[in-house]
Structures are given as structure tokens and as C-alpha cells.
Amino acid sequence: MVFIRTHWPIFVILIIGSSLRFYNLGLIPGPVFDEVFYPTFGLNYILGKSFFSVHPPAGTYLISLSIYIYHFLPWTETVLASVTSISDLNPISYRWLSALAGTSIIYVAYRLCFELFNKRNLALLAALFFAIDGSLLVDSRFGLINVYLSLFGLLSALFLIKFLKVAENLSSLFISCFFLGLTFAIKWNGLGFWLTSLLFILLVLLFNKQFKTERQGNLLNQSQISKFNVLSVSLIPFLAYLILWIPDLLFHGSELVDKHSQIISYHTSNIEQKLHPYSSSWFTWPIMLRPIAYYFSSQEILTASGNSLTVFNAVHLFPNPALALFSLIAIFIMTLNWLNAFSKVISSKIYDSDFLATTFILLGFFANFLPWALVSRSAFIYHYQPAACFSFIALAYLLYRISLKEETEYKALYICSLVLIVTSAIYWLPIQLGLDISAEAFQARMWIDSWI
């Protein structure tokens, strides 16, 4: 009870986040959007049917596990042995684990921020942003795999920071490396987290050789940083990645090289034929020009006055507009401040924990965002989620710093920013949860044509 009294704010945020993710989880009939792929593939593992997936198998393993565990629950109505296709399944069976993963992200983000800055209020702000972001929320409510990528990527970051803070803590390094391998065993764009970790380790190694550390915040134990760490982060994740392929290769009786050749061929061949109506350019993601409509239905109902009313039931992968805009501004400001801080580090030969923490955040954002400029295949706004996670942390850091200032205008800016973010979350919630909404109310939320 003492622990709960001390940490009640994060419990409240977790309750809000989990409620949003589990509320009416099976209301929208499946399959929705890419649920035609991942739950079908997951079921195929159980049924012993071969299939081809354009992504590594770890995400499909988890969907399969979700279906399998669900049918051991005493209140489930379907006998798994009688299931022959995805249409025979209750959608909750392949969605509940995603909802749990989406809830877990909130706490992992909280812990990561606390490890980086040792400021509980800052960590709470980040947790709140993760809880009410529309993109993470929507993908947590369907049998999709993007949420697993972000969860395992953030877990790898958390254990990397834990390793850097505590002497003789190699176990945290190896756990971090395993989660890195698991991240890009979900999708290859999880390599952005690997690039983040590798570049950060290299930079810390370089900084420790060239500069001195102000031991504020105890972010680093310098004796931990060595060439062995660089080698570990470089190689161990790929070893974990290869191991995670073994069950799939045994299941299909195929070769690793052949599998990768097929996946590479899919992603590089016939690019123009694969353009999707909801695809979008990578540089538009931070300003959310093209969200994705996952589900839509409409019906006519009679009101109490006898008039006909058109009611929509829609789910859009729709980020929180205020949160997206403020987070982008936070990244811009943090980048400018980092460049200024870096020039001071060069002149003074001294750096502090805040400098390293912001370095890690910026690396996480840009390493997960900029490589998409090289991709020519169809890409979607959900590919921005890993980078967006770091932008939420950047915004939490900026608002926390603003909250510490005594001037009235800064206090007003802090409060207004939070009010706008929460209000935005509430306003667009109906099209994220798939709640019934009038046609007029739906159109009122579509501020630009590309959002429809």
C-alpha cells in the first residue's frame, strides 16, 4: 500500500491507458486492415499451414501465442480444434496481447525517462503522452505488430541505459541486445533502434576519451564503456535475430537465405504496383497529413423526434494532432539546444548527464525517422511510431523544464499545452475507439481532406 500511495500517479495513467486499449476490444468485427495477414499467419502456425510473410516471424509468433492462450481461457466460446479460418475466431483472441503490449509501453516509457533524467514528474508526463497518443492507441487495439516493435525497441533502450548507469551490469547489456534482435525480428525497420544504441555507445566511448564528465544524475559509469560493449551491440542482436528465425524455418522446412531473398524481392520489386491509397511520404508523418482509415461503417437510425440520422462507426489510425505538433516543435528546440550545448562541450571539454540524455533522445528520433528517406516502397504513418516515441520524451523534457520556471507566462504555456493535448485526445477519441458518431460530428473532425 505504501508503494501505491507513493506511485499513484503512474497507476492512474496506466489505468487510463489500459482502459482505452481494452474497452470494447472485440466491438469492431475482424479482420481489419492488416489483420487479414498477421492473425491469419498466426492461426496458420497453429493449424500447420504453410504461408509466406513479408516480415520476419517474431510478430506472427506473438499473434499466434495470443490466439493460443485465449482459447485456454474458461469463458472462451470457440474450441480451437474446430477453427479453420480467421473468420471463425473471436477478434479479441488476436487483439488482447496487442492491447497488453500497448499498455506496457506506457510503463516502459515511464521507466526509461526516469532512468534518463531521474525526474519522476518528467517521466509521468512522458507516460501520459504515450497513454493518449492516437496512433499507439489504435494499433494497440488490433491484431497488428507495430506495437510490439515499439515496445521491444523501448525495452532495449531501457536496459541499455540501465547498463550504462550501474557498474558490472553486463546482464542488462545482454538483455538490451536480445530486445534489439527481437525488435527487428518483428520488422526490419526495428533496425532504427539498433542504430540508436550503436551510435550512442560509440559516441559515449568517444566522449569519454575526449572530454570529462560532470557526474550529475549519474547517467554513466565510465568504466562500463569499452570496445567490447561496441562489439556486443554490433553482433549480439543479430545472433538473437537469427535464433528467432529457427522455429519458422523448421515449420516451413525452408532455408534462411531463401526466406530473406523472397522478402527482399517483395520489398524491392514492382514498387509502383504496390502503392496503397493510404500510403504517405515519410516527411509528412510528423504533421500527420495522411492518417489511415482502418474501418468504416454507417447506418441510418430514427431519433426520438422521428427524424433520420446517419451514424458512422469508424476507426482511423489518427495521432493526437496537438501532441504530434508539440512533439515536433520539441524535437526542433532540443536539436537547437543540443547544437549549442555541443559547442560548449567542445570548448570546455566537459559534458553532463542532461547532454547525454538529450543526445540519446535525438539519436532515437533521427535514427528511426531519417532512414525512411531512402525507402521507395509504400510507407505509412504507423512507420513513424518508433520515432514519435522519442519525440514524446523530448516534449516531456521540454514541458518539465518549462514547468520549473517561475514566470507566469511559462506556467501558462505549460498548462495550456497540457490542456490542448488532453482536449485533443478526448475530441478525436471516437474515431480511434470506433464509437458511434453522427456524420456531422465525423466530418467536423476531418479538418483537411487528406484525413478522410
Protein backbone atom coordinates (compact mmCIF):
# COMPACT_ATOMS: atom_id res chain seq x y z
CA MET A 1 0.00 0.00 0.00
CA VAL A 2 2.88 2.38 0.71
CA PHE A 3 4.20 1.77 -2.81
CA ILE A 4 0.80 2.53 -4.32
CA ARG A 5 0.41 5.72 -2.27
CA THR A 6 3.84 6.86 -3.39
CA HIS A 7 3.39 5.96 -7.05
CA TRP A 8 -0.35 6.55 -7.52
CA PRO A 9 0.05 8.95 -10.49
CA ILE A 10 1.61 6.30 -12.73
CA PHE A 11 -1.05 3.80 -11.63
CA VAL A 12 -3.76 6.27 -12.67
CA ILE A 13 -2.11 6.80 -16.06
CA LEU A 14 -1.77 3.03 -16.55
CA ILE A 15 -5.43 2.52 -15.65
CA ILE A 16 -6.45 5.18 -18.18
CA GLY A 17 -4.16 3.71 -20.84
CA SER A 18 -5.27 0.12 -20.30
CA SER A 19 -8.95 1.12 -20.20
CA LEU A 20 -8.64 2.86 -23.55
CA ARG A 21 -6.89 -0.16 -25.05
CA PHE A 22 -9.19 -2.88 -23.72
CA TYR A 23 -12.52 -1.05 -23.94
CA ASN A 24 -14.87 -2.91 -26.34
CA LEU A 25 -11.86 -4.64 -27.85
CA GLY A 26 -13.97 -7.04 -29.89
CA LEU A 27 -16.60 -4.48 -30.96
CA ILE A 28 -15.09 -3.86 -34.40
CA PRO A 29 -15.51 -7.05 -36.45
CA GLY A 30 -12.34 -8.57 -37.79
CA PRO A 31 -10.25 -8.79 -39.72
CA VAL A 32 -9.43 -5.07 -40.07
CA PHE A 33 -6.71 -3.66 -42.35
CA ASP A 34 -3.57 -5.82 -41.97
CA GLU A 35 -5.40 -8.21 -39.67
CA VAL A 36 -6.06 -10.13 -42.88
CA PHE A 37 -2.37 -11.07 -42.70
CA TYR A 38 -0.93 -11.36 -39.18
CA PRO A 39 -3.75 -13.20 -37.34
CA THR A 40 -4.19 -15.45 -40.39
CA PHE A 41 -0.49 -16.28 -40.34
CA GLY A 42 -0.61 -16.76 -36.58
CA LEU A 43 -3.50 -19.19 -36.97
CA ASN A 44 -1.61 -20.99 -39.73
CA TYR A 45 1.20 -21.75 -37.27
CA ILE A 46 -1.38 -23.45 -35.04
CA LEU A 47 -3.09 -25.29 -37.91
CA GLY A 48 0.18 -26.37 -39.55
CA LYS A 49 -0.47 -24.49 -42.81
CA SER A 50 2.45 -23.01 -44.74
CA PHE A 51 2.38 -19.32 -45.68
CA PHE A 52 4.62 -16.50 -46.87
CA SER A 53 5.07 -13.33 -44.85
CA VAL A 54 6.94 -10.23 -46.00
CA HIS A 55 8.27 -9.64 -42.48
CA PRO A 56 10.40 -11.65 -40.04
CA PRO A 57 8.41 -14.09 -37.91
CA ALA A 58 8.56 -12.73 -34.33
CA GLY A 59 5.42 -10.60 -34.63
CA THR A 60 3.49 -13.54 -36.06
CA TYR A 61 4.73 -15.75 -33.21
CA LEU A 62 3.15 -13.31 -30.75
CA ILE A 63 -0.16 -13.17 -32.62
CA SER A 64 -0.18 -16.98 -32.71
CA LEU A 65 0.56 -17.07 -28.97
CA SER A 66 -2.28 -14.61 -28.37
CA ILE A 67 -4.76 -16.86 -30.20
CA TYR A 68 -3.47 -19.99 -28.49
CA ILE A 69 -3.61 -18.63 -24.93
CA TYR A 70 -7.03 -17.06 -25.47
CA HIS A 71 -8.59 -20.43 -26.22
CA PHE A 72 -7.40 -21.85 -22.92
CA LEU A 73 -9.46 -19.29 -21.01
CA PRO A 74 -12.56 -20.84 -19.37
CA TRP A 75 -15.02 -18.28 -20.77
CA THR A 76 -13.96 -18.57 -24.43
CA GLU A 77 -16.65 -19.88 -26.71
CA THR A 78 -14.65 -21.37 -29.59
CA VAL A 79 -12.88 -24.71 -29.50
CA LEU A 80 -9.58 -24.07 -31.24
CA ALA A 81 -9.55 -27.53 -32.82
CA SER A 82 -12.68 -26.60 -34.81
CA VAL A 83 -11.23 -23.36 -36.19
CA THR A 84 -10.33 -23.46 -39.88
CA SER A 85 -10.02 -19.75 -40.79
CA ILE A 86 -9.66 -16.32 -39.27
CA SER A 87 -13.42 -15.74 -39.62
CA ASP A 88 -14.01 -18.50 -37.03
CA LEU A 89 -12.09 -16.59 -34.36
CA ASN A 90 -13.33 -14.03 -31.88
CA PRO A 91 -11.34 -10.85 -32.75
CA ILE A 92 -10.39 -10.50 -29.08
CA SER A 93 -8.28 -13.66 -29.42
CA TYR A 94 -5.76 -11.94 -31.67
CA ARG A 95 -6.10 -8.44 -30.17
CA TRP A 96 -5.75 -8.84 -26.41
CA LEU A 97 -1.98 -9.33 -26.41
CA SER A 98 -1.53 -6.20 -28.55
CA ALA A 99 -3.61 -4.26 -26.01
CA LEU A 100 -1.44 -5.60 -23.21
CA ALA A 101 1.72 -4.66 -25.11
CA GLY A 102 0.31 -1.19 -25.77
CA THR A 103 -0.35 -0.75 -22.06
CA SER A 104 3.14 -2.00 -21.22
CA ILE A 105 4.70 0.65 -23.47
CA ILE A 106 3.35 3.32 -21.14
CA TYR A 107 5.22 1.93 -18.14
CA VAL A 108 8.38 1.20 -20.13
CA ALA A 109 8.42 4.81 -21.35
CA TYR A 110 7.97 5.97 -17.75
CA ARG A 111 10.90 3.84 -16.57
CA LEU A 112 13.11 4.90 -19.48
CA CYS A 113 12.52 8.60 -18.78
CA PHE A 114 13.16 8.11 -15.09
CA GLU A 115 16.44 6.30 -15.82
CA LEU A 116 17.50 9.05 -18.23
CA PHE A 117 16.66 12.08 -16.09
CA ASN A 118 15.85 10.82 -12.59
CA LYS A 119 12.84 13.16 -12.53
CA ARG A 120 9.54 11.50 -11.67
CA ASN A 121 7.31 14.33 -12.91
CA LEU A 122 9.10 14.31 -16.26
CA ALA A 123 8.59 10.56 -16.53
CA LEU A 124 4.89 10.97 -15.68
CA LEU A 125 4.45 13.49 -18.48
CA ALA A 126 6.00 11.05 -20.95
CA ALA A 127 3.78 8.21 -19.69
CA LEU A 128 0.69 10.41 -20.16
CA PHE A 129 1.67 11.19 -23.75
CA PHE A 130 2.21 7.51 -24.53
CA ALA A 131 -1.16 6.67 -22.96
CA ILE A 132 -3.22 9.10 -25.04
CA ASP A 133 -1.41 9.16 -28.38
CA GLY A 134 -3.91 8.09 -31.01
CA SER A 135 -1.52 6.16 -33.24
CA LEU A 136 -0.20 3.94 -30.45
CA LEU A 137 -3.72 3.56 -29.07
CA VAL A 138 -5.30 2.39 -32.33
CA ASP A 139 -2.55 -0.09 -33.19
CA SER A 140 -2.79 -1.48 -29.64
CA ARG A 141 -6.44 -2.37 -30.27
CA PHE A 142 -5.92 -4.60 -33.31
CA GLY A 143 -4.06 -7.77 -34.16
CA LEU A 144 -1.15 -5.89 -35.71
CA ILE A 145 2.56 -6.00 -34.95
CA ASN A 146 3.72 -2.37 -34.93
CA VAL A 147 3.07 -2.01 -31.21
CA TYR A 148 5.41 -4.93 -30.44
CA LEU A 149 8.22 -3.27 -32.39
CA SER A 150 7.92 -0.06 -30.37
CA LEU A 151 7.63 -1.96 -27.07
CA PHE A 152 10.72 -4.12 -27.60
CA GLY A 153 12.69 -1.20 -29.02
CA LEU A 154 11.98 0.89 -25.92
CA LEU A 155 12.80 -2.08 -23.68
CA SER A 156 16.18 -2.38 -25.41
CA ALA A 157 16.77 1.33 -24.76
CA LEU A 158 15.74 0.98 -21.10
CA PHE A 159 18.16 -1.87 -20.43
CA LEU A 160 20.96 -0.11 -22.32
CA ILE A 161 20.62 2.92 -20.05
CA LYS A 162 20.47 0.63 -17.00
CA PHE A 163 23.71 -0.99 -18.16
CA LEU A 164 25.41 2.39 -18.55
CA LYS A 165 24.39 3.55 -15.07
CA VAL A 166 25.44 0.56 -12.96
CA ALA A 167 28.94 -0.93 -12.71
CA GLU A 168 29.42 -4.62 -13.59
CA ASN A 169 25.95 -4.87 -15.12
CA LEU A 170 26.62 -6.93 -18.23
CA SER A 171 23.31 -8.76 -17.83
CA SER A 172 21.46 -5.54 -18.70
CA LEU A 173 23.61 -5.14 -21.81
CA PHE A 174 22.82 -8.67 -22.98
CA ILE A 175 19.10 -8.20 -22.26
CA SER A 176 19.20 -4.97 -24.25
CA CYS A 177 20.88 -6.76 -27.15
CA PHE A 178 18.27 -9.53 -27.07
CA PHE A 179 15.43 -7.00 -27.22
CA LEU A 180 17.18 -5.26 -30.12
CA GLY A 181 17.25 -8.53 -32.04
CA LEU A 182 13.63 -9.15 -31.13
CA THR A 183 12.73 -5.65 -32.35
CA PHE A 184 13.97 -6.12 -35.90
CA ALA A 185 12.73 -9.71 -35.87
CA ILE A 186 9.29 -8.03 -35.83
CA LYS A 187 10.01 -5.78 -38.80
CA TRP A 188 13.29 -4.71 -40.34
CA ASN A 189 12.60 -1.05 -39.60
CA GLY A 190 13.30 -2.04 -35.99
CA LEU A 191 16.93 -1.64 -37.02
CA GLY A 192 16.44 2.04 -36.19
CA PHE A 193 16.62 1.12 -32.50
CA TRP A 194 19.79 -0.88 -33.14
CA LEU A 195 21.32 2.10 -34.94
CA THR A 196 20.35 4.31 -31.98
CA SER A 197 22.09 2.03 -29.48
CA LEU A 198 25.21 1.53 -31.58
CA LEU A 199 25.69 5.23 -32.31
CA PHE A 200 25.10 6.13 -28.67
CA ILE A 201 27.65 3.62 -27.41
CA LEU A 202 30.18 4.88 -29.96
CA LEU A 203 29.56 8.50 -29.02
CA VAL A 204 29.88 7.79 -25.31
CA LEU A 205 33.12 5.94 -25.94
CA LEU A 206 34.37 8.93 -27.95
CA PHE A 207 33.21 11.48 -25.37
CA ASN A 208 34.90 9.60 -22.54
CA LYS A 209 38.20 9.70 -24.41
CA GLN A 210 37.99 13.36 -25.40
CA PHE A 211 36.08 15.06 -22.58
CA LYS A 212 35.44 14.95 -18.85
CA THR A 213 32.10 14.16 -17.23
CA GLU A 214 30.16 16.17 -14.70
CA ARG A 215 28.62 13.35 -12.69
CA GLN A 216 25.23 15.00 -12.38
CA GLY A 217 22.42 12.47 -12.47
CA ASN A 218 24.84 9.54 -12.58
CA LEU A 219 23.84 8.63 -16.14
CA LEU A 220 27.09 6.90 -16.92
CA ASN A 221 29.61 4.68 -15.26
CA GLN A 222 32.59 5.35 -17.47
CA SER A 223 34.28 2.05 -16.68
CA GLN A 224 31.35 0.30 -18.36
CA ILE A 225 32.16 1.70 -21.80
CA SER A 226 34.61 -0.35 -23.84
CA LYS A 227 35.19 -1.76 -27.29
CA PHE A 228 33.63 -4.99 -26.02
CA ASN A 229 30.37 -3.12 -25.49
CA VAL A 230 30.50 -1.81 -29.04
CA LEU A 231 31.15 -5.32 -30.34
CA SER A 232 28.30 -6.72 -28.23
CA VAL A 233 25.78 -4.17 -29.50
CA SER A 234 27.03 -4.72 -33.05
CA LEU A 235 26.74 -8.52 -33.11
CA ILE A 236 24.57 -10.00 -30.33
CA PRO A 237 21.28 -8.53 -31.64
CA PHE A 238 21.86 -10.23 -34.98
CA LEU A 239 22.60 -13.51 -33.23
CA ALA A 240 19.27 -13.17 -31.37
CA TYR A 241 17.59 -12.31 -34.67
CA LEU A 242 18.90 -15.48 -36.31
CA ILE A 243 17.86 -17.65 -33.36
CA LEU A 244 14.34 -16.22 -33.52
CA TRP A 245 14.07 -17.44 -37.11
CA ILE A 246 14.66 -21.08 -36.18
CA PRO A 247 11.04 -22.06 -35.31
CA ASP A 248 9.74 -20.58 -38.58
CA LEU A 249 12.44 -22.28 -40.67
CA LEU A 250 11.70 -25.63 -39.04
CA PHE A 251 7.96 -25.11 -39.52
CA HIS A 252 8.27 -24.36 -43.23
CA GLY A 253 11.26 -26.58 -43.92
CA SER A 254 12.96 -23.68 -45.67
CA GLU A 255 16.39 -22.06 -45.69
CA LEU A 256 17.26 -18.75 -44.06
CA VAL A 257 18.87 -17.35 -47.23
CA ASP A 258 15.86 -18.30 -49.35
CA LYS A 259 13.48 -16.64 -46.91
CA HIS A 260 15.43 -13.42 -46.91
CA SER A 261 15.77 -13.44 -50.70
CA GLN A 262 11.98 -13.69 -51.01
CA ILE A 263 11.37 -10.89 -48.51
CA ILE A 264 13.94 -8.60 -50.14
CA SER A 265 12.44 -9.34 -53.55
CA TYR A 266 8.99 -8.36 -52.32
CA HIS A 267 10.16 -5.07 -50.87
CA THR A 268 12.28 -4.06 -53.87
CA SER A 269 10.40 -5.40 -56.92
CA ASN A 270 7.43 -3.83 -58.69
CA ILE A 271 7.41 -0.79 -56.41
CA GLU A 272 4.82 1.14 -58.41
CA GLN A 273 2.37 -1.75 -58.33
CA LYS A 274 2.36 -1.77 -54.54
CA LEU A 275 1.33 1.84 -53.91
CA HIS A 276 -1.52 1.97 -51.42
CA PRO A 277 -4.23 4.65 -51.23
CA TYR A 278 -3.25 5.37 -47.61
CA SER A 279 0.50 5.41 -48.21
CA SER A 280 2.28 8.66 -47.45
CA SER A 281 5.69 10.29 -47.79
CA TRP A 282 7.95 9.97 -44.76
CA PHE A 283 8.40 13.72 -44.33
CA THR A 284 4.64 14.22 -43.91
CA TRP A 285 4.33 11.90 -40.90
CA PRO A 286 5.23 14.41 -38.16
CA ILE A 287 2.47 16.74 -39.39
CA MET A 288 0.08 13.78 -39.95
CA LEU A 289 -1.11 14.72 -43.43
CA ARG A 290 -2.32 11.19 -44.20
CA PRO A 291 -3.79 9.11 -41.38
CA ILE A 292 -5.17 5.65 -42.21
CA ALA A 293 -8.81 4.59 -42.20
CA TYR A 294 -8.81 1.10 -40.68
CA TYR A 295 -12.56 0.56 -40.54
CA PHE A 296 -15.78 2.32 -41.57
CA SER A 297 -19.50 1.53 -41.46
CA SER A 298 -22.64 3.65 -41.46
CA GLN A 299 -26.29 3.21 -40.62
CA GLU A 300 -29.48 5.23 -40.55
CA ILE A 301 -31.33 5.49 -37.22
CA LEU A 302 -34.51 7.22 -36.18
CA THR A 303 -34.24 9.85 -33.47
CA ALA A 304 -36.85 10.36 -30.74
CA SER A 305 -38.42 13.09 -32.87
CA GLY A 306 -38.81 10.68 -35.78
CA ASN A 307 -36.07 12.17 -37.93
CA SER A 308 -33.48 10.07 -39.73
CA LEU A 309 -29.89 10.38 -38.51
CA THR A 310 -26.79 8.99 -40.23
CA VAL A 311 -24.41 7.40 -37.74
CA PHE A 312 -20.83 6.48 -38.60
CA ASN A 313 -18.73 3.84 -36.91
CA ALA A 314 -15.12 4.47 -37.95
CA VAL A 315 -11.58 3.74 -36.78
CA HIS A 316 -8.72 5.84 -38.08
CA LEU A 317 -5.05 5.43 -37.22
CA PHE A 318 -5.09 9.03 -36.11
CA PRO A 319 -2.32 10.53 -33.98
CA ASN A 320 -3.17 13.18 -31.40
CA PRO A 321 -2.81 16.39 -33.51
CA ALA A 322 -1.75 18.64 -30.62
CA LEU A 323 0.69 16.05 -29.29
CA ALA A 324 2.15 15.47 -32.77
CA LEU A 325 2.66 19.20 -33.40
CA PHE A 326 4.11 19.99 -29.97
CA SER A 327 6.39 16.94 -30.12
CA LEU A 328 7.80 18.06 -33.47
CA ILE A 329 8.43 21.53 -32.04
CA ALA A 330 10.13 19.90 -29.03
CA ILE A 331 12.47 17.93 -31.30
CA PHE A 332 13.33 21.12 -33.19
CA ILE A 333 14.06 23.04 -29.97
CA MET A 334 16.01 20.13 -28.45
CA THR A 335 18.12 19.87 -31.60
CA LEU A 336 19.00 23.57 -31.50
CA ASN A 337 19.79 23.38 -27.78
CA TRP A 338 21.92 20.28 -28.35
CA LEU A 339 23.96 22.02 -31.05
CA ASN A 340 24.55 24.92 -28.66
CA ALA A 341 25.44 22.54 -25.82
CA PHE A 342 27.78 20.58 -28.08
CA SER A 343 29.69 23.74 -28.97
CA LYS A 344 30.14 24.40 -25.23
CA VAL A 345 31.32 20.81 -24.70
CA ILE A 346 33.93 21.31 -27.41
CA SER A 347 35.22 24.48 -25.77
CA SER A 348 35.02 23.37 -22.12
CA LYS A 349 35.88 19.65 -22.62
CA ILE A 350 33.13 18.84 -20.07
CA TYR A 351 29.69 17.32 -20.56
CA ASP A 352 26.90 16.44 -18.15
CA SER A 353 24.15 13.84 -17.86
CA ASP A 354 21.49 16.04 -19.48
CA PHE A 355 23.66 16.43 -22.56
CA LEU A 356 23.99 12.65 -22.89
CA ALA A 357 20.30 12.06 -22.24
CA THR A 358 19.22 14.53 -24.92
CA THR A 359 21.82 13.02 -27.26
CA PHE A 360 20.17 9.64 -26.79
CA ILE A 361 16.67 11.04 -27.43
CA LEU A 362 17.73 12.82 -30.61
CA LEU A 363 19.59 9.76 -31.87
CA GLY A 364 16.47 7.68 -31.20
CA PHE A 365 14.29 10.08 -33.15
CA PHE A 366 16.50 10.63 -36.17
CA ALA A 367 17.75 7.03 -36.44
CA ASN A 368 14.15 5.82 -36.61
CA PHE A 369 12.96 8.61 -38.91
CA LEU A 370 15.57 9.71 -41.44
CA PRO A 371 16.32 6.25 -42.96
CA TRP A 372 12.79 6.28 -44.41
CA ALA A 373 14.03 8.89 -46.88
CA LEU A 374 15.86 6.01 -48.60
CA VAL A 375 12.77 3.79 -48.89
CA SER A 376 10.91 3.77 -52.22
CA ARG A 377 8.15 1.25 -51.40
CA SER A 378 4.77 2.26 -49.98
CA ALA A 379 5.11 3.51 -46.42
CA PHE A 380 2.51 4.54 -43.89
CA ILE A 381 2.16 6.88 -40.95
CA TYR A 382 2.41 3.96 -38.49
CA HIS A 383 6.05 3.63 -39.55
CA TYR A 384 6.60 6.91 -37.66
CA GLN A 385 5.64 5.38 -34.29
CA PRO A 386 9.19 4.47 -33.14
CA ALA A 387 10.47 7.99 -33.91
CA ALA A 388 7.34 9.53 -32.38
CA CYS A 389 8.07 7.71 -29.11
CA PHE A 390 11.31 9.68 -28.76
CA SER A 391 9.56 12.91 -29.74
CA PHE A 392 7.08 12.37 -26.86
CA ILE A 393 10.02 12.05 -24.47
CA ALA A 394 11.50 15.23 -25.94
CA LEU A 395 8.22 17.06 -25.34
CA ALA A 396 8.01 15.76 -21.77
CA TYR A 397 11.54 17.05 -21.17
CA LEU A 398 10.74 20.47 -22.65
CA LEU A 399 7.48 20.90 -20.73
CA TYR A 400 9.11 19.76 -17.49
CA ARG A 401 11.83 22.39 -17.92
CA ILE A 402 9.15 24.98 -18.64
CA SER A 403 7.22 23.98 -15.50
CA LEU A 404 10.26 24.78 -13.36
CA LYS A 405 10.33 28.42 -14.43
CA GLU A 406 8.77 30.99 -12.12
CA GLU A 407 7.49 33.42 -14.75
CA THR A 408 3.71 33.45 -15.22
CA GLU A 409 3.90 33.17 -19.00
CA TYR A 410 5.85 29.90 -18.72
CA LYS A 411 3.36 28.49 -16.24
CA ALA A 412 0.55 29.44 -18.64
CA LEU A 413 2.38 27.84 -21.56
CA TYR A 414 2.82 24.62 -19.60
CA ILE A 415 -0.83 24.42 -18.55
CA CYS A 416 -2.20 25.42 -21.97
CA SER A 417 -0.04 22.80 -23.70
CA LEU A 418 -1.30 20.01 -21.44
CA VAL A 419 -4.92 21.18 -21.76
CA LEU A 420 -4.68 21.22 -25.56
CA ILE A 421 -3.09 17.75 -25.67
CA VAL A 422 -5.72 16.20 -23.37
CA THR A 423 -8.58 18.03 -25.11
CA SER A 424 -7.31 16.85 -28.48
CA ALA A 425 -7.17 13.27 -27.20
CA ILE A 426 -10.79 13.44 -25.99
CA TYR A 427 -12.09 15.18 -29.12
CA TRP A 428 -10.69 12.62 -31.57
CA LEU A 429 -11.24 9.59 -29.32
CA PRO A 430 -14.49 8.46 -31.05
CA ILE A 431 -12.66 7.79 -34.34
CA GLN A 432 -9.87 5.97 -32.52
CA LEU A 433 -12.10 3.66 -30.47
CA GLY A 434 -14.74 3.15 -33.16
CA LEU A 435 -17.56 4.79 -31.19
CA ASP A 436 -20.85 5.67 -32.89
CA ILE A 437 -20.72 9.25 -34.11
CA SER A 438 -23.03 11.31 -36.30
CA ALA A 439 -21.97 12.06 -39.85
CA GLU A 440 -21.76 15.76 -38.98
CA ALA A 441 -19.55 15.10 -35.95
CA PHE A 442 -17.31 12.84 -38.03
CA GLN A 443 -16.89 15.48 -40.75
CA ALA A 444 -16.18 18.12 -38.10
CA ARG A 445 -13.13 16.08 -37.04
CA MET A 446 -11.79 15.79 -40.59
CA TRP A 447 -10.10 19.20 -40.75
CA ILE A 448 -8.39 18.55 -44.08
CA ASP A 449 -9.44 16.34 -47.00
CA SER A 450 -6.41 14.03 -46.71
CA TRP A 451 -7.54 12.95 -43.22
CA ILE A 452 -10.62 11.20 -44.65
